[in-house]
Amino acid sequence: MNKEKVMSYLKSASLAVMALAAGVLILGAAPASATVLCKVASASSCGAGNDYGAGTKISSHLKAGNRTLFTDEHGTERFDCNESMLNLVTTSTGGVGQTVTADVESASFGNCTFGTVPSISKKPSLVIHWISGSNHGSITETGMEITYGECVWGASGEQGMGTLTGGSPAVIDVSIQLEPKKGFCIGNLWWKGIYEVTAPSALYVTAS
């Protein structure tokens, strides 16, 4: 290869690298996806006056015909409960470049196998992230701890907790893995449950 061809090749390669770098910078500068909780179904925009603001209470109970299950990491059932409630309260409205944050206001379990009732001994902070092109959102949590007997399970840092499926009614699918924190525990614990939202009567996740 002669000198002119070498120089032409190096120039082309340099331009390609510069273009790639510019693209990375543009992508890196993109804002976070907007998220709001909405009173109407729309995959693109909630519309003025249709969003639920901070302080909105979201009440839910186990969907009819379902149990809340607690299993080990291999799916082997440890115990279950036939009654459960999960109540949230939003702490932000969300909006452009923002997610919706919420707290677990209360949670309860009842009619459980072996007579021992688990409890959420440390209530987590939640973040709801809009799933693009849908009326649904993924839920992440930080700080949850569940106590059952002499064992406390919890999570280290933020992790997925499940999905909020928009609808009338909406549905919260809980699926979270927790690790032993203190007490006498045998391995990790999976909490799984399908909760039907009773209030608000219509609840969707969308862009602002």
C-alpha atoms as a PDB file:
ATOM      1  CA  MET A   1       0.000   0.000   0.000  1.00  0.00           C
ATOM      2  CA  ASN A   2       1.513   3.372  -1.033  1.00  0.00           C
ATOM      3  CA  LYS A   3       1.736   6.451   1.167  1.00  0.00           C
ATOM      4  CA  GLU A   4      -1.313   8.190  -0.370  1.00  0.00           C
ATOM      5  CA  LYS A   5      -3.563   5.167   0.247  1.00  0.00           C
ATOM      6  CA  VAL A   6      -2.302   4.834   3.837  1.00  0.00           C
ATOM      7  CA  MET A   7      -3.080   8.508   4.528  1.00  0.00           C
ATOM      8  CA  SER A   8      -6.548   8.191   2.963  1.00  0.00           C
ATOM      9  CA  TYR A   9      -7.313   5.101   5.080  1.00  0.00           C
ATOM     10  CA  LEU A  10      -6.181   6.804   8.301  1.00  0.00           C
ATOM     11  CA  LYS A  11      -8.271   9.892   7.505  1.00  0.00           C
ATOM     12  CA  SER A  12     -11.397   7.765   6.896  1.00  0.00           C
ATOM     13  CA  ALA A  13     -10.852   5.810  10.101  1.00  0.00           C
ATOM     14  CA  SER A  14     -10.388   9.025  12.067  1.00  0.00           C
ATOM     15  CA  LEU A  15     -13.640  10.480  10.726  1.00  0.00           C
ATOM     16  CA  ALA A  16     -15.514   7.278  11.604  1.00  0.00           C
ATOM     17  CA  VAL A  17     -14.213   7.381  15.173  1.00  0.00           C
ATOM     18  CA  MET A  18     -15.209  11.048  15.503  1.00  0.00           C
ATOM     19  CA  ALA A  19     -18.723  10.308  14.225  1.00  0.00           C
ATOM     20  CA  LEU A  20     -19.100   7.409  16.647  1.00  0.00           C
ATOM     21  CA  ALA A  21     -17.935   9.559  19.549  1.00  0.00           C
ATOM     22  CA  ALA A  22     -20.415  12.290  18.616  1.00  0.00           C
ATOM     23  CA  GLY A  23     -23.213   9.735  18.546  1.00  0.00           C
ATOM     24  CA  VAL A  24     -22.259   8.458  21.986  1.00  0.00           C
ATOM     25  CA  LEU A  25     -22.292  12.009  23.355  1.00  0.00           C
ATOM     26  CA  ILE A  26     -25.732  12.652  21.889  1.00  0.00           C
ATOM     27  CA  LEU A  27     -27.113   9.440  23.335  1.00  0.00           C
ATOM     28  CA  GLY A  28     -25.521  10.123  26.698  1.00  0.00           C
ATOM     29  CA  ALA A  29     -27.174  13.533  26.841  1.00  0.00           C
ATOM     30  CA  ALA A  30     -30.657  12.135  26.262  1.00  0.00           C
ATOM     31  CA  PRO A  31     -33.029  12.760  29.181  1.00  0.00           C
ATOM     32  CA  ALA A  32     -34.499   9.944  31.262  1.00  0.00           C
ATOM     33  CA  SER A  33     -37.876   8.606  30.153  1.00  0.00           C
ATOM     34  CA  ALA A  34     -40.833  10.560  31.506  1.00  0.00           C
ATOM     35  CA  THR A  35     -43.187   8.675  33.814  1.00  0.00           C
ATOM     36  CA  VAL A  36     -46.554   9.623  35.300  1.00  0.00           C
ATOM     37  CA  LEU A  37     -49.487   7.716  36.732  1.00  0.00           C
ATOM     38  CA  CYS A  38     -52.534   8.499  34.637  1.00  0.00           C
ATOM     39  CA  LYS A  39     -56.326   8.315  34.884  1.00  0.00           C
ATOM     40  CA  VAL A  40     -56.710   7.430  31.197  1.00  0.00           C
ATOM     41  CA  ALA A  41     -55.024   4.939  28.864  1.00  0.00           C
ATOM     42  CA  SER A  42     -52.449   6.505  26.554  1.00  0.00           C
ATOM     43  CA  ALA A  43     -49.064   5.176  25.526  1.00  0.00           C
ATOM     44  CA  SER A  44     -47.761   8.592  24.474  1.00  0.00           C
ATOM     45  CA  SER A  45     -49.091  11.367  26.731  1.00  0.00           C
ATOM     46  CA  CYS A  46     -51.270  11.537  29.830  1.00  0.00           C
ATOM     47  CA  GLY A  47     -52.768  14.916  28.993  1.00  0.00           C
ATOM     48  CA  ALA A  48     -53.454  17.930  31.171  1.00  0.00           C
ATOM     49  CA  GLY A  49     -55.345  17.166  34.360  1.00  0.00           C
ATOM     50  CA  ASN A  50     -55.221  13.391  33.923  1.00  0.00           C
ATOM     51  CA  ASP A  51     -52.196  12.605  36.074  1.00  0.00           C
ATOM     52  CA  TYR A  52     -52.203  11.451  39.702  1.00  0.00           C
ATOM     53  CA  GLY A  53     -50.137  13.750  41.903  1.00  0.00           C
ATOM     54  CA  ALA A  54     -47.958  13.159  44.931  1.00  0.00           C
ATOM     55  CA  GLY A  55     -49.908  11.800  47.871  1.00  0.00           C
ATOM     56  CA  THR A  56     -52.078   9.479  45.768  1.00  0.00           C
ATOM     57  CA  LYS A  57     -52.951   6.334  47.705  1.00  0.00           C
ATOM     58  CA  ILE A  58     -52.855   3.053  45.764  1.00  0.00           C
ATOM     59  CA  SER A  59     -54.741   0.266  47.534  1.00  0.00           C
ATOM     60  CA  SER A  60     -54.565  -3.384  46.466  1.00  0.00           C
ATOM     61  CA  HIS A  61     -55.309  -6.890  47.681  1.00  0.00           C
ATOM     62  CA  LEU A  62     -54.552 -10.377  46.423  1.00  0.00           C
ATOM     63  CA  LYS A  63     -56.304 -11.028  43.138  1.00  0.00           C
ATOM     64  CA  ALA A  64     -59.179 -13.514  43.521  1.00  0.00           C
ATOM     65  CA  GLY A  65     -58.054 -17.128  43.245  1.00  0.00           C
ATOM     66  CA  ASN A  66     -54.403 -16.337  44.003  1.00  0.00           C
ATOM     67  CA  ARG A  67     -52.066 -16.877  46.926  1.00  0.00           C
ATOM     68  CA  THR A  68     -48.956 -14.947  47.824  1.00  0.00           C
ATOM     69  CA  LEU A  69     -46.052 -17.397  47.705  1.00  0.00           C
ATOM     70  CA  PHE A  70     -42.721 -17.446  49.485  1.00  0.00           C
ATOM     71  CA  THR A  71     -40.229 -19.862  47.915  1.00  0.00           C
ATOM     72  CA  ASP A  72     -36.520 -20.551  47.931  1.00  0.00           C
ATOM     73  CA  GLU A  73     -34.320 -19.552  45.004  1.00  0.00           C
ATOM     74  CA  HIS A  74     -35.102 -22.872  43.290  1.00  0.00           C
ATOM     75  CA  GLY A  75     -38.879 -22.322  43.372  1.00  0.00           C
ATOM     76  CA  THR A  76     -39.596 -24.753  46.197  1.00  0.00           C
ATOM     77  CA  GLU A  77     -42.463 -23.392  48.279  1.00  0.00           C
ATOM     78  CA  ARG A  78     -41.628 -22.569  51.895  1.00  0.00           C
ATOM     79  CA  PHE A  79     -44.962 -21.064  52.963  1.00  0.00           C
ATOM     80  CA  ASP A  80     -47.900 -19.166  51.507  1.00  0.00           C
ATOM     81  CA  CYS A  81     -50.700 -16.841  52.567  1.00  0.00           C
ATOM     82  CA  ASN A  82     -54.247 -16.718  51.251  1.00  0.00           C
ATOM     83  CA  GLU A  83     -54.814 -13.141  52.346  1.00  0.00           C
ATOM     84  CA  SER A  84     -52.652 -10.091  51.718  1.00  0.00           C
ATOM     85  CA  MET A  85     -52.949  -6.350  51.197  1.00  0.00           C
ATOM     86  CA  LEU A  86     -50.410  -3.944  49.714  1.00  0.00           C
ATOM     87  CA  ASN A  87     -51.009  -0.202  49.992  1.00  0.00           C
ATOM     88  CA  LEU A  88     -48.760   2.460  48.472  1.00  0.00           C
ATOM     89  CA  VAL A  89     -48.663   6.250  48.541  1.00  0.00           C
ATOM     90  CA  THR A  90     -46.894   8.259  45.862  1.00  0.00           C
ATOM     91  CA  THR A  91     -44.265  10.774  46.944  1.00  0.00           C
ATOM     92  CA  SER A  92     -43.828  12.487  43.570  1.00  0.00           C
ATOM     93  CA  THR A  93     -45.880  13.159  40.452  1.00  0.00           C
ATOM     94  CA  GLY A  94     -43.148  12.345  37.946  1.00  0.00           C
ATOM     95  CA  GLY A  95     -42.994  14.163  34.640  1.00  0.00           C
ATOM     96  CA  VAL A  96     -40.509  15.011  31.903  1.00  0.00           C
ATOM     97  CA  GLY A  97     -37.203  13.301  32.648  1.00  0.00           C
ATOM     98  CA  GLN A  98     -38.545  12.026  35.976  1.00  0.00           C
ATOM     99  CA  THR A  99     -39.919   8.794  37.411  1.00  0.00           C
ATOM    100  CA  VAL A 100     -42.721   8.341  39.950  1.00  0.00           C
ATOM    101  CA  THR A 101     -41.608   7.582  43.502  1.00  0.00           C
ATOM    102  CA  ALA A 102     -43.730   5.946  46.189  1.00  0.00           C
ATOM    103  CA  ASP A 103     -43.608   4.417  49.657  1.00  0.00           C
ATOM    104  CA  VAL A 104     -45.211   1.263  50.977  1.00  0.00           C
ATOM    105  CA  GLU A 105     -47.743   2.743  53.393  1.00  0.00           C
ATOM    106  CA  SER A 106     -48.919  -0.600  54.775  1.00  0.00           C
ATOM    107  CA  ALA A 107     -48.797  -4.290  53.948  1.00  0.00           C
ATOM    108  CA  SER A 108     -50.287  -7.333  55.632  1.00  0.00           C
ATOM    109  CA  PHE A 109     -50.551 -11.101  55.279  1.00  0.00           C
ATOM    110  CA  GLY A 110     -53.057 -13.542  56.735  1.00  0.00           C
ATOM    111  CA  ASN A 111     -54.339 -17.115  56.673  1.00  0.00           C
ATOM    112  CA  CYS A 112     -50.814 -18.454  56.195  1.00  0.00           C
ATOM    113  CA  THR A 113     -49.515 -22.014  56.296  1.00  0.00           C
ATOM    114  CA  PHE A 114     -47.919 -23.244  59.548  1.00  0.00           C
ATOM    115  CA  GLY A 115     -49.681 -20.470  61.482  1.00  0.00           C
ATOM    116  CA  THR A 116     -46.731 -18.058  61.341  1.00  0.00           C
ATOM    117  CA  VAL A 117     -47.514 -14.763  59.598  1.00  0.00           C
ATOM    118  CA  PRO A 118     -44.729 -12.878  57.759  1.00  0.00           C
ATOM    119  CA  SER A 119     -44.452  -9.118  58.007  1.00  0.00           C
ATOM    120  CA  ILE A 120     -42.746  -6.343  56.095  1.00  0.00           C
ATOM    121  CA  SER A 121     -40.627  -5.188  59.007  1.00  0.00           C
ATOM    122  CA  LYS A 122     -38.894  -2.462  57.001  1.00  0.00           C
ATOM    123  CA  LYS A 123     -40.962  -0.640  54.408  1.00  0.00           C
ATOM    124  CA  PRO A 124     -39.151   0.132  51.146  1.00  0.00           C
ATOM    125  CA  SER A 125     -38.995   3.174  48.904  1.00  0.00           C
ATOM    126  CA  LEU A 126     -40.266   2.457  45.383  1.00  0.00           C
ATOM    127  CA  VAL A 127     -39.649   3.875  41.922  1.00  0.00           C
ATOM    128  CA  ILE A 128     -42.042   3.305  39.008  1.00  0.00           C
ATOM    129  CA  HIS A 129     -40.507   3.409  35.514  1.00  0.00           C
ATOM    130  CA  TRP A 130     -42.730   3.719  32.449  1.00  0.00           C
ATOM    131  CA  ILE A 131     -42.294   0.871  29.931  1.00  0.00           C
ATOM    132  CA  SER A 132     -42.143   2.621  26.555  1.00  0.00           C
ATOM    133  CA  GLY A 133     -45.030   1.991  24.171  1.00  0.00           C
ATOM    134  CA  SER A 134     -47.312   0.618  26.893  1.00  0.00           C
ATOM    135  CA  ASN A 135     -49.476   1.662  29.823  1.00  0.00           C
ATOM    136  CA  HIS A 136     -47.365  -0.375  32.238  1.00  0.00           C
ATOM    137  CA  GLY A 137     -44.396   0.274  34.477  1.00  0.00           C
ATOM    138  CA  SER A 138     -41.590  -1.638  36.135  1.00  0.00           C
ATOM    139  CA  ILE A 139     -41.153  -1.213  39.885  1.00  0.00           C
ATOM    140  CA  THR A 140     -37.840  -1.080  41.742  1.00  0.00           C
ATOM    141  CA  GLU A 141     -37.422  -0.973  45.510  1.00  0.00           C
ATOM    142  CA  THR A 142     -34.815  -0.010  48.073  1.00  0.00           C
ATOM    143  CA  GLY A 143     -34.694  -0.992  51.722  1.00  0.00           C
ATOM    144  CA  MET A 144     -37.280  -3.775  52.065  1.00  0.00           C
ATOM    145  CA  GLU A 145     -37.027  -6.315  54.872  1.00  0.00           C
ATOM    146  CA  ILE A 146     -39.391  -9.230  55.536  1.00  0.00           C
ATOM    147  CA  THR A 147     -39.517 -11.031  58.887  1.00  0.00           C
ATOM    148  CA  TYR A 148     -40.789 -14.585  59.275  1.00  0.00           C
ATOM    149  CA  GLY A 149     -40.278 -16.287  62.600  1.00  0.00           C
ATOM    150  CA  GLU A 150     -36.699 -15.669  63.694  1.00  0.00           C
ATOM    151  CA  CYS A 151     -35.389 -14.751  60.247  1.00  0.00           C
ATOM    152  CA  VAL A 152     -35.125 -11.392  58.507  1.00  0.00           C
ATOM    153  CA  TRP A 153     -34.587 -11.228  54.746  1.00  0.00           C
ATOM    154  CA  GLY A 154     -33.690  -8.061  52.864  1.00  0.00           C
ATOM    155  CA  ALA A 155     -32.069  -6.661  49.742  1.00  0.00           C
ATOM    156  CA  SER A 156     -28.773  -4.899  49.218  1.00  0.00           C
ATOM    157  CA  GLY A 157     -29.361  -1.723  47.208  1.00  0.00           C
ATOM    158  CA  GLU A 158     -32.001  -1.067  44.575  1.00  0.00           C
ATOM    159  CA  GLN A 159     -33.542  -4.025  42.769  1.00  0.00           C
ATOM    160  CA  GLY A 160     -36.583  -5.022  40.763  1.00  0.00           C
ATOM    161  CA  MET A 161     -39.803  -5.651  42.674  1.00  0.00           C
ATOM    162  CA  GLY A 162     -42.261  -6.376  39.879  1.00  0.00           C
ATOM    163  CA  THR A 163     -44.604  -4.722  37.398  1.00  0.00           C
ATOM    164  CA  LEU A 164     -47.556  -2.355  37.529  1.00  0.00           C
ATOM    165  CA  THR A 165     -49.901  -3.336  34.693  1.00  0.00           C
ATOM    166  CA  GLY A 166     -52.174  -0.436  33.839  1.00  0.00           C
ATOM    167  CA  GLY A 167     -55.909  -0.987  33.623  1.00  0.00           C
ATOM    168  CA  SER A 168     -59.289  -0.608  35.254  1.00  0.00           C
ATOM    169  CA  PRO A 169     -58.448  -2.236  37.566  1.00  0.00           C
ATOM    170  CA  ALA A 170     -54.662  -2.138  37.441  1.00  0.00           C
ATOM    171  CA  VAL A 171     -52.603  -5.103  38.675  1.00  0.00           C
ATOM    172  CA  ILE A 172     -49.357  -5.198  40.662  1.00  0.00           C
ATOM    173  CA  ASP A 173     -47.255  -8.318  40.033  1.00  0.00           C
ATOM    174  CA  VAL A 174     -44.769  -8.680  42.881  1.00  0.00           C
ATOM    175  CA  SER A 175     -41.671 -10.776  42.254  1.00  0.00           C
ATOM    176  CA  ILE A 176     -38.654 -10.066  44.418  1.00  0.00           C
ATOM    177  CA  GLN A 177     -35.717 -12.038  45.776  1.00  0.00           C
ATOM    178  CA  LEU A 178     -34.376 -11.270  49.248  1.00  0.00           C
ATOM    179  CA  GLU A 179     -31.280 -12.538  51.019  1.00  0.00           C
ATOM    180  CA  PRO A 180     -30.766 -13.433  54.689  1.00  0.00           C
ATOM    181  CA  LYS A 181     -30.014 -10.398  56.854  1.00  0.00           C
ATOM    182  CA  LYS A 182     -30.178 -11.648  60.440  1.00  0.00           C
ATOM    183  CA  GLY A 183     -31.526 -14.458  62.574  1.00  0.00           C
ATOM    184  CA  PHE A 184     -31.764 -18.130  61.663  1.00  0.00           C
ATOM    185  CA  CYS A 185     -32.363 -18.237  57.883  1.00  0.00           C
ATOM    186  CA  ILE A 186     -31.942 -20.960  55.295  1.00  0.00           C
ATOM    187  CA  GLY A 187     -31.042 -19.441  51.924  1.00  0.00           C
ATOM    188  CA  ASN A 188     -32.710 -16.687  49.920  1.00  0.00           C
ATOM    189  CA  LEU A 189     -36.431 -15.957  49.820  1.00  0.00           C
ATOM    190  CA  TRP A 190     -38.644 -15.174  46.800  1.00  0.00           C
ATOM    191  CA  TRP A 191     -41.877 -13.261  47.390  1.00  0.00           C
ATOM    192  CA  LYS A 192     -44.425 -13.567  44.586  1.00  0.00           C
ATOM    193  CA  GLY A 193     -47.992 -12.304  44.458  1.00  0.00           C
ATOM    194  CA  ILE A 194     -50.586 -10.824  42.100  1.00  0.00           C
ATOM    195  CA  TYR A 195     -52.410  -7.852  43.599  1.00  0.00           C
ATOM    196  CA  GLU A 196     -55.503  -6.190  42.146  1.00  0.00           C
ATOM    197  CA  VAL A 197     -55.666  -2.425  42.609  1.00  0.00           C
ATOM    198  CA  THR A 198     -58.949  -1.331  44.205  1.00  0.00           C
ATOM    199  CA  ALA A 199     -58.192   2.397  44.305  1.00  0.00           C
ATOM    200  CA  PRO A 200     -57.816   4.365  42.136  1.00  0.00           C
ATOM    201  CA  SER A 201     -60.357   2.482  40.015  1.00  0.00           C
ATOM    202  CA  ALA A 202     -58.407   3.286  36.831  1.00  0.00           C
ATOM    203  CA  LEU A 203     -54.617   3.495  36.903  1.00  0.00           C
ATOM    204  CA  TYR A 204     -52.198   3.585  33.970  1.00  0.00           C
ATOM    205  CA  VAL A 205     -48.481   4.293  33.574  1.00  0.00           C
ATOM    206  CA  THR A 206     -47.514   6.543  30.693  1.00  0.00           C
ATOM    207  CA  ALA A 207     -45.355   9.465  29.573  1.00  0.00           C
ATOM    208  CA  SER A 208     -46.082  12.964  30.839  1.00  0.00           C
END
